[in-house]
Amino acid sequence: MFDSLARWQETWSIFQHIGIAYVLTAIIGWNREQEGHTAGIRTFPIVGMASCGYILALGTQPDVAAQSRVLQGLITGIGFVGGGAILKEGATVHGMATAASVWNAGIIGASVAMGRYEIGVMLALLNLFTLRALMPIKAWLDRDKGKPDNLDQD
């Protein structure tokens, strides 16, 4: 009976970790969706929860090298996913901020899985701040460079 209770507690803990990663990254995805980017409300939470799941699947792995390999694989794989958000049209490149945000969603999920909620929350907040609060500065800088006033460009 106690073994079953411990199993349910472990399952609840896993559910909480994945849920927190999902919520933190869905907020960023919501922002990207509002801006009209292809990677948005569905992509970001999937990246966040998948990253969290990969780290949780390791369990309490005492082998630091194994943990390192999983993290290296996540960083590389999510970079590839984010690369799909980058579009080049002539001399103009779009989607860099979205690609970087996808990459950040991966580490948010991994941080939450490792119990480092403060890192996940801080990364999510700074990501949102960068996307929203710095947009007027980007528009102003783009005008100075002679670029059209298009706030959707990354």
C-alpha atoms as a PDB file:
ATOM      1  CA  MET A   1       0.000   0.000   0.000  1.00  0.00           C
ATOM      2  CA  PHE A   2       2.758   2.476   0.900  1.00  0.00           C
ATOM      3  CA  ASP A   3       4.556   1.661  -2.332  1.00  0.00           C
ATOM      4  CA  SER A   4       1.412   2.572  -4.264  1.00  0.00           C
ATOM      5  CA  LEU A   5       1.074   5.835  -2.316  1.00  0.00           C
ATOM      6  CA  ALA A   6       4.712   6.745  -3.041  1.00  0.00           C
ATOM      7  CA  ARG A   7       4.133   6.022  -6.722  1.00  0.00           C
ATOM      8  CA  TRP A   8       1.133   8.379  -6.806  1.00  0.00           C
ATOM      9  CA  GLN A   9       3.162  11.097  -5.088  1.00  0.00           C
ATOM     10  CA  GLU A  10       5.913  10.678  -7.686  1.00  0.00           C
ATOM     11  CA  THR A  11       3.354  10.804 -10.496  1.00  0.00           C
ATOM     12  CA  TRP A  12       1.818  13.971  -9.016  1.00  0.00           C
ATOM     13  CA  SER A  13       5.279  15.563  -8.783  1.00  0.00           C
ATOM     14  CA  ILE A  14       5.995  14.755 -12.427  1.00  0.00           C
ATOM     15  CA  PHE A  15       2.608  16.170 -13.435  1.00  0.00           C
ATOM     16  CA  GLN A  16       3.384  19.383 -11.526  1.00  0.00           C
ATOM     17  CA  HIS A  17       6.803  19.796 -13.155  1.00  0.00           C
ATOM     18  CA  ILE A  18       5.451  19.281 -16.659  1.00  0.00           C
ATOM     19  CA  GLY A  19       2.442  21.512 -15.947  1.00  0.00           C
ATOM     20  CA  ILE A  20       4.616  24.380 -14.730  1.00  0.00           C
ATOM     21  CA  ALA A  21       6.906  24.063 -17.772  1.00  0.00           C
ATOM     22  CA  TYR A  22       3.820  24.022 -19.990  1.00  0.00           C
ATOM     23  CA  VAL A  23       2.324  27.186 -18.465  1.00  0.00           C
ATOM     24  CA  LEU A  24       5.587  29.157 -18.484  1.00  0.00           C
ATOM     25  CA  THR A  25       6.230  28.402 -22.143  1.00  0.00           C
ATOM     26  CA  ALA A  26       2.590  28.741 -23.254  1.00  0.00           C
ATOM     27  CA  ILE A  27       2.707  32.369 -22.147  1.00  0.00           C
ATOM     28  CA  ILE A  28       5.618  33.010 -24.505  1.00  0.00           C
ATOM     29  CA  GLY A  29       3.838  31.058 -27.253  1.00  0.00           C
ATOM     30  CA  TRP A  30       0.752  33.238 -26.750  1.00  0.00           C
ATOM     31  CA  ASN A  31       2.895  36.314 -27.367  1.00  0.00           C
ATOM     32  CA  ARG A  32       4.379  34.867 -30.556  1.00  0.00           C
ATOM     33  CA  GLU A  33       0.917  33.830 -31.755  1.00  0.00           C
ATOM     34  CA  GLN A  34      -0.394  37.370 -31.233  1.00  0.00           C
ATOM     35  CA  GLU A  35       2.488  38.668 -33.327  1.00  0.00           C
ATOM     36  CA  GLY A  36       1.467  36.337 -36.162  1.00  0.00           C
ATOM     37  CA  HIS A  37       4.442  33.956 -36.043  1.00  0.00           C
ATOM     38  CA  THR A  38       4.130  30.341 -37.150  1.00  0.00           C
ATOM     39  CA  ALA A  39       5.740  29.035 -33.951  1.00  0.00           C
ATOM     40  CA  GLY A  40       3.338  29.996 -31.217  1.00  0.00           C
ATOM     41  CA  ILE A  41       0.709  28.754 -28.819  1.00  0.00           C
ATOM     42  CA  ARG A  42       1.194  25.096 -29.765  1.00  0.00           C
ATOM     43  CA  THR A  43       4.936  24.937 -30.403  1.00  0.00           C
ATOM     44  CA  PHE A  44       6.244  26.613 -27.264  1.00  0.00           C
ATOM     45  CA  PRO A  45       4.417  24.508 -24.653  1.00  0.00           C
ATOM     46  CA  ILE A  46       5.310  21.325 -26.525  1.00  0.00           C
ATOM     47  CA  VAL A  47       9.003  22.295 -26.513  1.00  0.00           C
ATOM     48  CA  GLY A  48       8.820  23.226 -22.817  1.00  0.00           C
ATOM     49  CA  MET A  49       7.079  20.086 -21.643  1.00  0.00           C
ATOM     50  CA  ALA A  50       9.169  17.815 -23.872  1.00  0.00           C
ATOM     51  CA  SER A  51      12.387  19.291 -22.489  1.00  0.00           C
ATOM     52  CA  CYS A  52      11.038  18.850 -18.985  1.00  0.00           C
ATOM     53  CA  GLY A  53      10.044  15.273 -19.798  1.00  0.00           C
ATOM     54  CA  TYR A  54      13.478  14.352 -21.141  1.00  0.00           C
ATOM     55  CA  ILE A  55      15.158  15.556 -17.968  1.00  0.00           C
ATOM     56  CA  LEU A  56      12.557  13.901 -15.726  1.00  0.00           C
ATOM     57  CA  ALA A  57      12.993  10.633 -17.634  1.00  0.00           C
ATOM     58  CA  LEU A  58      16.614  10.547 -16.467  1.00  0.00           C
ATOM     59  CA  GLY A  59      15.375  10.215 -12.913  1.00  0.00           C
ATOM     60  CA  THR A  60      17.950  10.554 -10.194  1.00  0.00           C
ATOM     61  CA  GLN A  61      20.857   9.783 -12.494  1.00  0.00           C
ATOM     62  CA  PRO A  62      24.137   9.904 -10.572  1.00  0.00           C
ATOM     63  CA  ASP A  63      26.093   9.910 -13.835  1.00  0.00           C
ATOM     64  CA  VAL A  64      26.836  13.578 -14.553  1.00  0.00           C
ATOM     65  CA  ALA A  65      28.116  12.669 -18.029  1.00  0.00           C
ATOM     66  CA  ALA A  66      24.721  11.134 -18.893  1.00  0.00           C
ATOM     67  CA  GLN A  67      22.933  14.264 -17.721  1.00  0.00           C
ATOM     68  CA  SER A  68      25.319  16.365 -19.773  1.00  0.00           C
ATOM     69  CA  ARG A  69      24.674  14.316 -22.920  1.00  0.00           C
ATOM     70  CA  VAL A  70      20.901  14.692 -22.539  1.00  0.00           C
ATOM     71  CA  LEU A  71      21.221  18.450 -22.081  1.00  0.00           C
ATOM     72  CA  GLN A  72      23.556  18.699 -25.087  1.00  0.00           C
ATOM     73  CA  GLY A  73      21.049  16.764 -27.182  1.00  0.00           C
ATOM     74  CA  LEU A  74      18.229  19.040 -26.048  1.00  0.00           C
ATOM     75  CA  ILE A  75      20.183  22.184 -26.857  1.00  0.00           C
ATOM     76  CA  THR A  76      21.050  20.897 -30.322  1.00  0.00           C
ATOM     77  CA  GLY A  77      17.622  19.478 -31.114  1.00  0.00           C
ATOM     78  CA  ILE A  78      15.710  22.530 -29.977  1.00  0.00           C
ATOM     79  CA  GLY A  79      18.099  24.739 -31.933  1.00  0.00           C
ATOM     80  CA  PHE A  80      17.076  22.750 -35.001  1.00  0.00           C
ATOM     81  CA  VAL A  81      13.370  23.252 -34.224  1.00  0.00           C
ATOM     82  CA  GLY A  82      13.934  26.977 -33.689  1.00  0.00           C
ATOM     83  CA  GLY A  83      15.818  27.176 -36.982  1.00  0.00           C
ATOM     84  CA  GLY A  84      12.567  26.272 -38.705  1.00  0.00           C
ATOM     85  CA  ALA A  85      11.111  29.584 -37.513  1.00  0.00           C
ATOM     86  CA  ILE A  86      13.745  31.607 -39.377  1.00  0.00           C
ATOM     87  CA  LEU A  87      12.741  32.809 -42.824  1.00  0.00           C
ATOM     88  CA  LYS A  88      14.959  34.598 -45.325  1.00  0.00           C
ATOM     89  CA  GLU A  89      13.413  36.798 -47.989  1.00  0.00           C
ATOM     90  CA  GLY A  90      16.093  38.440 -50.078  1.00  0.00           C
ATOM     91  CA  ALA A  91      18.301  40.444 -47.743  1.00  0.00           C
ATOM     92  CA  THR A  92      15.723  40.335 -44.935  1.00  0.00           C
ATOM     93  CA  VAL A  93      15.671  37.690 -42.215  1.00  0.00           C
ATOM     94  CA  HIS A  94      12.547  37.103 -40.101  1.00  0.00           C
ATOM     95  CA  GLY A  95      11.966  34.936 -37.074  1.00  0.00           C
ATOM     96  CA  MET A  96      15.208  35.280 -35.152  1.00  0.00           C
ATOM     97  CA  ALA A  97      13.495  36.329 -31.905  1.00  0.00           C
ATOM     98  CA  THR A  98      10.994  33.500 -32.287  1.00  0.00           C
ATOM     99  CA  ALA A  99      13.793  30.987 -32.878  1.00  0.00           C
ATOM    100  CA  ALA A 100      15.680  32.246 -29.839  1.00  0.00           C
ATOM    101  CA  SER A 101      12.474  32.052 -27.800  1.00  0.00           C
ATOM    102  CA  VAL A 102      11.934  28.429 -28.856  1.00  0.00           C
ATOM    103  CA  TRP A 103      15.473  27.676 -27.691  1.00  0.00           C
ATOM    104  CA  ASN A 104      14.747  29.460 -24.408  1.00  0.00           C
ATOM    105  CA  ALA A 105      11.544  27.415 -23.977  1.00  0.00           C
ATOM    106  CA  GLY A 106      13.727  24.313 -23.936  1.00  0.00           C
ATOM    107  CA  ILE A 107      15.844  25.495 -21.046  1.00  0.00           C
ATOM    108  CA  ILE A 108      12.750  26.690 -19.193  1.00  0.00           C
ATOM    109  CA  GLY A 109      11.420  23.123 -19.332  1.00  0.00           C
ATOM    110  CA  ALA A 110      14.777  21.641 -18.336  1.00  0.00           C
ATOM    111  CA  SER A 111      15.127  24.079 -15.423  1.00  0.00           C
ATOM    112  CA  VAL A 112      11.697  23.201 -14.086  1.00  0.00           C
ATOM    113  CA  ALA A 113      12.487  19.478 -14.385  1.00  0.00           C
ATOM    114  CA  MET A 114      15.623  20.007 -12.312  1.00  0.00           C
ATOM    115  CA  GLY A 115      13.588  21.748  -9.628  1.00  0.00           C
ATOM    116  CA  ARG A 116      15.110  25.123 -10.468  1.00  0.00           C
ATOM    117  CA  TYR A 117      11.776  26.909 -10.763  1.00  0.00           C
ATOM    118  CA  GLU A 118      13.358  30.299 -10.116  1.00  0.00           C
ATOM    119  CA  ILE A 119      15.465  29.900 -13.263  1.00  0.00           C
ATOM    120  CA  GLY A 120      12.457  28.849 -15.355  1.00  0.00           C
ATOM    121  CA  VAL A 121      10.314  31.727 -14.108  1.00  0.00           C
ATOM    122  CA  MET A 122      13.110  34.284 -14.579  1.00  0.00           C
ATOM    123  CA  LEU A 123      13.820  33.070 -18.127  1.00  0.00           C
ATOM    124  CA  ALA A 124      10.114  33.219 -19.027  1.00  0.00           C
ATOM    125  CA  LEU A 125       9.719  36.727 -17.599  1.00  0.00           C
ATOM    126  CA  LEU A 126      12.842  38.045 -19.296  1.00  0.00           C
ATOM    127  CA  ASN A 127      11.805  36.434 -22.580  1.00  0.00           C
ATOM    128  CA  LEU A 128       8.415  38.156 -22.415  1.00  0.00           C
ATOM    129  CA  PHE A 129      10.015  41.449 -21.408  1.00  0.00           C
ATOM    130  CA  THR A 130      12.401  41.244 -24.347  1.00  0.00           C
ATOM    131  CA  LEU A 131       9.631  40.456 -26.828  1.00  0.00           C
ATOM    132  CA  ARG A 132       7.160  43.076 -25.592  1.00  0.00           C
ATOM    133  CA  ALA A 133       8.949  45.924 -23.856  1.00  0.00           C
ATOM    134  CA  LEU A 134      11.879  46.138 -26.242  1.00  0.00           C
ATOM    135  CA  MET A 135       9.698  46.108 -29.371  1.00  0.00           C
ATOM    136  CA  PRO A 136       9.334  49.940 -29.512  1.00  0.00           C
ATOM    137  CA  ILE A 137      13.119  50.301 -29.265  1.00  0.00           C
ATOM    138  CA  LYS A 138      13.562  47.810 -32.111  1.00  0.00           C
ATOM    139  CA  ALA A 139      11.031  49.692 -34.242  1.00  0.00           C
ATOM    140  CA  TRP A 140      12.860  52.947 -33.558  1.00  0.00           C
ATOM    141  CA  LEU A 141      16.237  51.403 -34.460  1.00  0.00           C
ATOM    142  CA  ASP A 142      14.790  49.860 -37.631  1.00  0.00           C
ATOM    143  CA  ARG A 143      13.433  53.266 -38.728  1.00  0.00           C
ATOM    144  CA  ASP A 144      16.921  54.732 -38.300  1.00  0.00           C
ATOM    145  CA  LYS A 145      18.267  51.998 -40.583  1.00  0.00           C
ATOM    146  CA  GLY A 146      15.664  52.786 -43.238  1.00  0.00           C
ATOM    147  CA  LYS A 147      13.711  49.576 -42.662  1.00  0.00           C
ATOM    148  CA  PRO A 148       9.903  49.668 -42.981  1.00  0.00           C
ATOM    149  CA  ASP A 149       7.993  50.144 -39.732  1.00  0.00           C
ATOM    150  CA  ASN A 150       7.013  46.493 -39.348  1.00  0.00           C
ATOM    151  CA  LEU A 151       6.922  45.369 -35.737  1.00  0.00           C
ATOM    152  CA  ASP A 152       6.573  41.697 -36.729  1.00  0.00           C
ATOM    153  CA  GLN A 153      10.112  41.513 -38.038  1.00  0.00           C
ATOM    154  CA  ASP A 154      12.623  39.763 -35.833  1.00  0.00           C
END
